[in-house]
N, C-alpha and C. Protein backbone atom coordinates (compact mmCIF):
# COMPACT_ATOMS: atom_id res chain seq x y z
N UNK A 1 -46.92 -41.39 9.51
CA UNK A 1 -45.55 -41.74 9.81
C UNK A 1 -45.48 -42.32 11.22
N UNK A 2 -44.79 -43.43 11.35
CA UNK A 2 -44.66 -44.06 12.67
C UNK A 2 -43.67 -43.26 13.52
N UNK A 3 -43.72 -43.50 14.82
CA UNK A 3 -42.80 -42.82 15.73
C UNK A 3 -41.35 -43.22 15.43
N UNK A 4 -41.13 -44.50 15.08
CA UNK A 4 -39.78 -44.95 14.73
C UNK A 4 -39.27 -44.18 13.52
N UNK A 5 -40.11 -44.00 12.50
CA UNK A 5 -39.72 -43.23 11.32
C UNK A 5 -39.40 -41.79 11.71
N UNK A 6 -40.23 -41.20 12.56
CA UNK A 6 -40.02 -39.81 12.98
C UNK A 6 -38.68 -39.66 13.69
N UNK A 7 -38.35 -40.61 14.55
CA UNK A 7 -37.08 -40.55 15.27
C UNK A 7 -35.92 -40.71 14.30
N UNK A 8 -36.03 -41.66 13.38
CA UNK A 8 -34.97 -41.84 12.37
C UNK A 8 -34.84 -40.59 11.50
N UNK A 9 -35.96 -39.96 11.18
CA UNK A 9 -35.91 -38.70 10.43
C UNK A 9 -35.16 -37.62 11.21
N UNK A 10 -35.36 -37.59 12.52
CA UNK A 10 -34.63 -36.63 13.36
C UNK A 10 -33.13 -36.88 13.30
N UNK A 11 -32.72 -38.15 13.30
CA UNK A 11 -31.30 -38.48 13.17
C UNK A 11 -30.77 -37.98 11.83
N UNK A 12 -31.51 -38.24 10.77
CA UNK A 12 -31.11 -37.80 9.44
C UNK A 12 -31.01 -36.28 9.37
N UNK A 13 -32.02 -35.60 9.88
CA UNK A 13 -32.06 -34.13 9.81
C UNK A 13 -30.96 -33.48 10.65
N UNK A 14 -30.45 -34.19 11.64
CA UNK A 14 -29.42 -33.61 12.51
C UNK A 14 -28.13 -33.31 11.75
N UNK A 15 -27.87 -34.07 10.70
CA UNK A 15 -26.65 -33.92 9.90
C UNK A 15 -25.39 -34.16 10.75
N UNK A 16 -25.54 -34.94 11.82
CA UNK A 16 -24.42 -35.24 12.71
C UNK A 16 -23.82 -36.61 12.36
N UNK A 17 -22.54 -36.81 12.65
CA UNK A 17 -21.93 -38.12 12.43
C UNK A 17 -22.23 -39.07 13.59
N UNK A 18 -22.48 -40.32 13.25
CA UNK A 18 -22.74 -41.36 14.25
C UNK A 18 -21.83 -42.55 13.99
N UNK A 19 -21.41 -43.19 15.06
CA UNK A 19 -20.75 -44.49 14.97
C UNK A 19 -21.89 -45.48 14.89
N UNK A 20 -22.04 -46.11 13.74
CA UNK A 20 -23.15 -47.05 13.50
C UNK A 20 -22.62 -48.45 13.78
N UNK A 21 -23.28 -49.15 14.69
CA UNK A 21 -22.86 -50.50 15.07
C UNK A 21 -24.02 -51.45 14.80
N UNK A 22 -23.76 -52.45 13.97
CA UNK A 22 -24.76 -53.47 13.65
C UNK A 22 -24.15 -54.83 13.96
N UNK A 23 -24.82 -55.59 14.82
CA UNK A 23 -24.34 -56.92 15.19
C UNK A 23 -25.23 -57.95 14.51
N UNK A 24 -24.62 -58.80 13.70
CA UNK A 24 -25.35 -59.84 12.99
C UNK A 24 -24.94 -61.20 13.47
N UNK A 25 -25.35 -62.20 12.73
CA UNK A 25 -24.99 -63.58 13.07
C UNK A 25 -23.52 -63.82 12.73
N UNK A 26 -22.66 -63.71 13.73
CA UNK A 26 -21.25 -64.00 13.54
C UNK A 26 -20.42 -62.84 13.01
N UNK A 27 -20.99 -61.66 12.91
CA UNK A 27 -20.23 -60.51 12.40
C UNK A 27 -20.71 -59.23 13.07
N UNK A 28 -19.80 -58.27 13.16
CA UNK A 28 -20.13 -56.95 13.69
C UNK A 28 -19.64 -55.93 12.67
N UNK A 29 -20.51 -55.01 12.31
CA UNK A 29 -20.14 -53.94 11.39
C UNK A 29 -20.15 -52.63 12.15
N UNK A 30 -19.05 -51.88 12.05
CA UNK A 30 -18.96 -50.56 12.67
C UNK A 30 -18.44 -49.60 11.62
N UNK A 31 -19.06 -48.44 11.55
CA UNK A 31 -18.59 -47.38 10.67
C UNK A 31 -19.05 -46.05 11.25
N UNK A 32 -18.40 -44.98 10.86
CA UNK A 32 -18.82 -43.66 11.30
C UNK A 32 -19.26 -42.88 10.07
N UNK A 33 -20.49 -42.36 10.14
CA UNK A 33 -21.06 -41.65 9.00
C UNK A 33 -22.24 -40.81 9.45
N UNK A 34 -22.56 -39.81 8.65
CA UNK A 34 -23.83 -39.11 8.81
C UNK A 34 -24.90 -40.01 8.21
N UNK A 35 -26.13 -39.86 8.64
CA UNK A 35 -27.22 -40.64 8.05
C UNK A 35 -27.75 -39.85 6.86
N UNK A 36 -27.07 -39.99 5.76
CA UNK A 36 -27.46 -39.26 4.57
C UNK A 36 -26.23 -38.84 3.79
N UNK A 37 -26.42 -37.93 2.84
CA UNK A 37 -27.50 -36.95 2.76
C UNK A 37 -28.81 -37.49 2.20
N UNK A 38 -28.77 -38.68 1.60
CA UNK A 38 -30.01 -39.22 1.04
C UNK A 38 -30.76 -40.05 2.08
N UNK A 39 -32.07 -39.95 2.04
CA UNK A 39 -32.94 -40.73 2.93
C UNK A 39 -34.21 -41.04 2.18
N UNK A 40 -34.66 -42.29 2.27
CA UNK A 40 -35.93 -42.64 1.62
C UNK A 40 -36.58 -43.82 2.33
N UNK A 41 -37.88 -43.86 2.22
CA UNK A 41 -38.67 -44.97 2.77
C UNK A 41 -39.15 -45.80 1.60
N UNK A 42 -39.01 -47.12 1.71
CA UNK A 42 -39.45 -48.01 0.64
C UNK A 42 -39.92 -49.32 1.23
N UNK A 43 -40.39 -50.20 0.38
CA UNK A 43 -40.81 -51.54 0.78
C UNK A 43 -39.94 -52.53 0.04
N UNK A 44 -39.36 -53.47 0.78
CA UNK A 44 -38.50 -54.48 0.18
C UNK A 44 -39.33 -55.36 -0.76
N UNK A 45 -38.92 -55.48 -2.02
CA UNK A 45 -39.67 -56.35 -2.94
C UNK A 45 -39.56 -57.83 -2.58
N UNK A 46 -38.50 -58.19 -1.83
CA UNK A 46 -38.30 -59.60 -1.46
C UNK A 46 -39.12 -59.99 -0.23
N UNK A 47 -39.13 -59.12 0.79
CA UNK A 47 -39.75 -59.50 2.06
C UNK A 47 -41.02 -58.72 2.40
N UNK A 48 -41.22 -57.59 1.73
CA UNK A 48 -42.36 -56.74 2.05
C UNK A 48 -42.13 -55.86 3.27
N UNK A 49 -40.91 -55.93 3.85
CA UNK A 49 -40.57 -55.10 5.01
C UNK A 49 -40.46 -53.64 4.61
N UNK A 50 -40.90 -52.75 5.49
CA UNK A 50 -40.72 -51.33 5.29
C UNK A 50 -39.27 -50.99 5.64
N UNK A 51 -38.55 -50.39 4.69
CA UNK A 51 -37.14 -50.07 4.87
C UNK A 51 -36.94 -48.55 4.86
N UNK A 52 -36.18 -48.07 5.81
CA UNK A 52 -35.73 -46.70 5.77
C UNK A 52 -34.26 -46.77 5.40
N UNK A 53 -33.89 -46.11 4.32
CA UNK A 53 -32.54 -46.17 3.79
C UNK A 53 -31.88 -44.81 3.90
N UNK A 54 -30.66 -44.82 4.41
CA UNK A 54 -29.81 -43.63 4.47
C UNK A 54 -28.60 -43.94 3.60
N UNK A 55 -28.25 -43.01 2.70
CA UNK A 55 -27.16 -43.29 1.77
C UNK A 55 -26.31 -42.04 1.53
N UNK A 56 -25.05 -42.31 1.21
CA UNK A 56 -24.17 -41.23 0.80
C UNK A 56 -24.61 -40.78 -0.60
N UNK A 57 -24.10 -39.65 -1.03
CA UNK A 57 -24.49 -39.08 -2.32
C UNK A 57 -24.28 -40.07 -3.46
N UNK A 58 -23.13 -40.78 -3.45
CA UNK A 58 -22.82 -41.72 -4.53
C UNK A 58 -23.28 -43.15 -4.22
N UNK A 59 -23.99 -43.34 -3.10
CA UNK A 59 -24.51 -44.65 -2.67
C UNK A 59 -23.41 -45.66 -2.38
N UNK A 60 -22.18 -45.18 -2.14
CA UNK A 60 -21.11 -46.10 -1.74
C UNK A 60 -21.31 -46.57 -0.31
N UNK A 61 -22.12 -45.83 0.44
CA UNK A 61 -22.51 -46.23 1.79
C UNK A 61 -24.04 -46.21 1.86
N UNK A 62 -24.61 -47.33 2.29
CA UNK A 62 -26.06 -47.40 2.51
C UNK A 62 -26.32 -48.10 3.84
N UNK A 63 -27.30 -47.60 4.55
CA UNK A 63 -27.70 -48.16 5.84
C UNK A 63 -29.21 -48.33 5.77
N UNK A 64 -29.66 -49.59 5.83
CA UNK A 64 -31.09 -49.91 5.73
C UNK A 64 -31.60 -50.33 7.10
N UNK A 65 -32.73 -49.80 7.51
CA UNK A 65 -33.34 -50.15 8.79
C UNK A 65 -34.74 -50.67 8.53
N UNK A 66 -35.05 -51.86 9.05
CA UNK A 66 -36.40 -52.41 8.94
C UNK A 66 -37.25 -51.77 10.03
N UNK A 67 -37.94 -50.72 9.65
CA UNK A 67 -38.63 -49.84 10.60
C UNK A 67 -39.64 -50.59 11.47
N UNK A 68 -40.41 -51.48 10.88
CA UNK A 68 -41.47 -52.16 11.64
C UNK A 68 -40.93 -53.18 12.63
N UNK A 69 -39.65 -53.52 12.56
CA UNK A 69 -39.06 -54.45 13.52
C UNK A 69 -38.55 -53.75 14.77
N UNK A 70 -38.53 -52.42 14.75
CA UNK A 70 -38.08 -51.66 15.93
C UNK A 70 -39.23 -51.63 16.93
N UNK A 71 -38.99 -52.15 18.13
CA UNK A 71 -40.04 -52.13 19.16
C UNK A 71 -39.69 -51.22 20.33
N UNK A 72 -38.40 -50.84 20.42
CA UNK A 72 -37.98 -49.93 21.49
C UNK A 72 -36.74 -49.19 21.04
N UNK A 73 -36.67 -47.91 21.42
CA UNK A 73 -35.48 -47.10 21.19
C UNK A 73 -35.08 -46.51 22.53
N UNK A 74 -33.81 -46.63 22.88
CA UNK A 74 -33.33 -46.06 24.14
C UNK A 74 -32.26 -45.01 23.85
N UNK A 75 -32.24 -44.00 24.69
CA UNK A 75 -31.23 -42.95 24.62
C UNK A 75 -30.45 -43.00 25.94
N UNK A 76 -29.16 -43.35 25.86
CA UNK A 76 -28.36 -43.59 27.05
C UNK A 76 -27.10 -42.73 27.01
N UNK A 77 -26.79 -42.12 28.14
CA UNK A 77 -25.53 -41.41 28.30
C UNK A 77 -24.72 -42.14 29.36
N UNK A 78 -23.46 -42.47 29.03
CA UNK A 78 -22.62 -43.17 29.98
C UNK A 78 -21.17 -42.69 29.83
N UNK A 79 -20.37 -42.98 30.84
CA UNK A 79 -18.96 -42.60 30.84
C UNK A 79 -18.12 -43.84 30.53
N UNK A 80 -17.10 -43.65 29.69
CA UNK A 80 -16.18 -44.73 29.36
C UNK A 80 -14.77 -44.26 29.67
N UNK A 81 -14.02 -45.02 30.47
CA UNK A 81 -12.64 -44.60 30.79
C UNK A 81 -11.73 -44.70 29.56
N UNK A 82 -10.85 -43.72 29.43
CA UNK A 82 -9.86 -43.72 28.37
C UNK A 82 -8.51 -44.14 28.94
N UNK A 83 -7.58 -44.59 28.09
CA UNK A 83 -6.26 -45.04 28.59
C UNK A 83 -5.50 -43.97 29.38
N UNK A 84 -5.77 -42.70 29.09
CA UNK A 84 -5.03 -41.64 29.80
C UNK A 84 -5.64 -41.29 31.16
N UNK A 85 -6.65 -42.05 31.57
CA UNK A 85 -7.28 -41.82 32.86
C UNK A 85 -8.48 -40.89 32.79
N UNK A 86 -8.66 -40.22 31.68
CA UNK A 86 -9.83 -39.35 31.49
C UNK A 86 -11.05 -40.22 31.16
N UNK A 87 -12.22 -39.62 31.18
CA UNK A 87 -13.44 -40.30 30.79
C UNK A 87 -14.01 -39.67 29.53
N UNK A 88 -14.63 -40.49 28.73
CA UNK A 88 -15.32 -40.02 27.53
C UNK A 88 -16.81 -40.25 27.74
N UNK A 89 -17.61 -39.24 27.47
CA UNK A 89 -19.06 -39.38 27.58
C UNK A 89 -19.59 -39.98 26.28
N UNK A 90 -20.28 -41.10 26.42
CA UNK A 90 -20.88 -41.78 25.27
C UNK A 90 -22.38 -41.45 25.24
N UNK A 91 -22.87 -41.06 24.07
CA UNK A 91 -24.30 -40.80 23.88
C UNK A 91 -24.79 -41.81 22.85
N UNK A 92 -25.52 -42.81 23.33
CA UNK A 92 -25.85 -43.98 22.51
C UNK A 92 -27.37 -44.10 22.37
N UNK A 93 -27.80 -44.34 21.14
CA UNK A 93 -29.20 -44.64 20.87
C UNK A 93 -29.25 -46.09 20.39
N UNK A 94 -30.03 -46.90 21.08
CA UNK A 94 -30.14 -48.32 20.72
C UNK A 94 -31.53 -48.60 20.17
N UNK A 95 -31.55 -49.32 19.09
CA UNK A 95 -32.80 -49.71 18.43
C UNK A 95 -32.96 -51.21 18.66
N UNK A 96 -34.03 -51.59 19.37
CA UNK A 96 -34.22 -52.98 19.79
C UNK A 96 -35.39 -53.62 19.06
N UNK A 97 -35.31 -54.95 18.89
CA UNK A 97 -36.39 -55.70 18.26
C UNK A 97 -37.34 -56.26 19.32
N UNK A 98 -38.31 -57.05 18.88
CA UNK A 98 -39.33 -57.58 19.80
C UNK A 98 -38.77 -58.50 20.89
N UNK A 99 -37.58 -59.08 20.67
CA UNK A 99 -36.94 -59.93 21.67
C UNK A 99 -36.08 -59.12 22.63
N UNK A 100 -36.05 -57.79 22.42
CA UNK A 100 -35.21 -56.92 23.25
C UNK A 100 -33.76 -56.93 22.83
N UNK A 101 -33.48 -57.53 21.68
CA UNK A 101 -32.12 -57.60 21.15
C UNK A 101 -31.82 -56.35 20.33
N UNK A 102 -30.56 -55.90 20.38
CA UNK A 102 -30.21 -54.72 19.59
C UNK A 102 -30.19 -55.01 18.09
N UNK A 103 -30.88 -54.17 17.33
CA UNK A 103 -30.80 -54.23 15.86
C UNK A 103 -29.58 -53.43 15.42
N UNK A 104 -29.42 -52.27 16.06
CA UNK A 104 -28.28 -51.42 15.79
C UNK A 104 -28.15 -50.40 16.91
N UNK A 105 -26.99 -49.80 17.00
CA UNK A 105 -26.74 -48.70 17.93
C UNK A 105 -26.16 -47.55 17.14
N UNK A 106 -26.60 -46.35 17.47
CA UNK A 106 -26.05 -45.14 16.87
C UNK A 106 -25.40 -44.35 17.98
N UNK A 107 -24.08 -44.24 17.93
CA UNK A 107 -23.31 -43.55 18.95
C UNK A 107 -22.92 -42.19 18.39
N UNK A 108 -23.32 -41.14 19.07
CA UNK A 108 -23.00 -39.80 18.61
C UNK A 108 -21.48 -39.65 18.54
N UNK A 109 -20.96 -39.35 17.35
CA UNK A 109 -19.52 -39.31 17.13
C UNK A 109 -18.95 -37.90 17.25
N UNK A 110 -19.75 -36.96 17.66
CA UNK A 110 -19.34 -35.57 17.78
C UNK A 110 -19.67 -35.12 19.20
N UNK A 111 -18.72 -34.50 19.88
CA UNK A 111 -18.98 -34.09 21.26
C UNK A 111 -19.09 -32.56 21.39
N UNK A 112 -19.35 -31.89 20.28
CA UNK A 112 -19.52 -30.43 20.33
C UNK A 112 -20.76 -30.06 21.13
N UNK A 113 -20.82 -28.83 21.57
CA UNK A 113 -21.98 -28.36 22.35
C UNK A 113 -23.28 -28.54 21.56
N UNK A 114 -23.25 -28.25 20.26
CA UNK A 114 -24.46 -28.41 19.43
C UNK A 114 -24.92 -29.86 19.38
N UNK A 115 -23.97 -30.79 19.28
CA UNK A 115 -24.30 -32.21 19.24
C UNK A 115 -24.89 -32.68 20.56
N UNK A 116 -24.27 -32.26 21.66
CA UNK A 116 -24.77 -32.63 22.99
C UNK A 116 -26.18 -32.06 23.18
N UNK A 117 -26.37 -30.83 22.74
CA UNK A 117 -27.69 -30.20 22.86
C UNK A 117 -28.72 -30.97 22.03
N UNK A 118 -28.33 -31.43 20.83
CA UNK A 118 -29.24 -32.21 19.99
C UNK A 118 -29.64 -33.51 20.71
N UNK A 119 -28.64 -34.24 21.25
CA UNK A 119 -28.92 -35.50 21.92
C UNK A 119 -29.80 -35.28 23.15
N UNK A 120 -29.48 -34.27 23.94
CA UNK A 120 -30.30 -33.96 25.12
C UNK A 120 -31.72 -33.60 24.70
N UNK A 121 -31.85 -32.90 23.58
CA UNK A 121 -33.17 -32.55 23.06
C UNK A 121 -33.97 -33.77 22.65
N UNK A 122 -33.30 -34.76 22.06
CA UNK A 122 -33.98 -36.02 21.69
C UNK A 122 -34.48 -36.72 22.96
N UNK A 123 -33.64 -36.72 23.99
CA UNK A 123 -34.01 -37.33 25.27
C UNK A 123 -35.22 -36.61 25.88
N UNK A 124 -35.22 -35.30 25.82
CA UNK A 124 -36.35 -34.54 26.36
C UNK A 124 -37.61 -34.75 25.53
N UNK A 125 -37.46 -34.79 24.23
CA UNK A 125 -38.62 -34.93 23.33
C UNK A 125 -39.28 -36.31 23.42
N UNK A 126 -38.44 -37.35 23.43
CA UNK A 126 -38.96 -38.72 23.36
C UNK A 126 -38.87 -39.50 24.67
N UNK A 127 -38.00 -39.06 25.60
CA UNK A 127 -37.76 -39.81 26.83
C UNK A 127 -36.60 -40.77 26.65
N UNK A 128 -36.11 -41.34 27.76
CA UNK A 128 -34.97 -42.27 27.68
C UNK A 128 -35.32 -43.57 27.00
N UNK A 129 -36.59 -43.98 27.12
CA UNK A 129 -37.05 -45.23 26.48
C UNK A 129 -38.31 -44.93 25.70
N UNK A 130 -38.30 -45.34 24.45
CA UNK A 130 -39.47 -45.16 23.59
C UNK A 130 -39.98 -46.56 23.23
N UNK A 131 -41.15 -46.91 23.75
CA UNK A 131 -41.77 -48.19 23.41
C UNK A 131 -42.68 -47.98 22.21
N UNK A 132 -42.49 -48.82 21.22
CA UNK A 132 -43.24 -48.67 19.96
C UNK A 132 -44.24 -49.80 19.76
């Protein structure tokens, strides 16, 4: 199992909700979901790419990641101002390709102590930047 697969498996096993952001050519997709409950590794019959798929039980939601295209994963914590003057802590994991461009970002959508502890644990386990 590659390190990218292991990290994605950790996201799946966390059972936490993430704001999933995917930027494509001329479009941006954002949704909030857990990565699962279904998870599987397969090979695309069209391209031969290794795909890690996360899906809802009824497959009405599917998120496919081309694992071998991930060359770096970063774990970033930052503050974002809210309209009421308060700040919101953002915990963002970015998956980058060989050009350093984002393939997707997973923003932790839960700010509970358990979620923060999980994210901090990922940072401790893998570091802020994971070069693959």
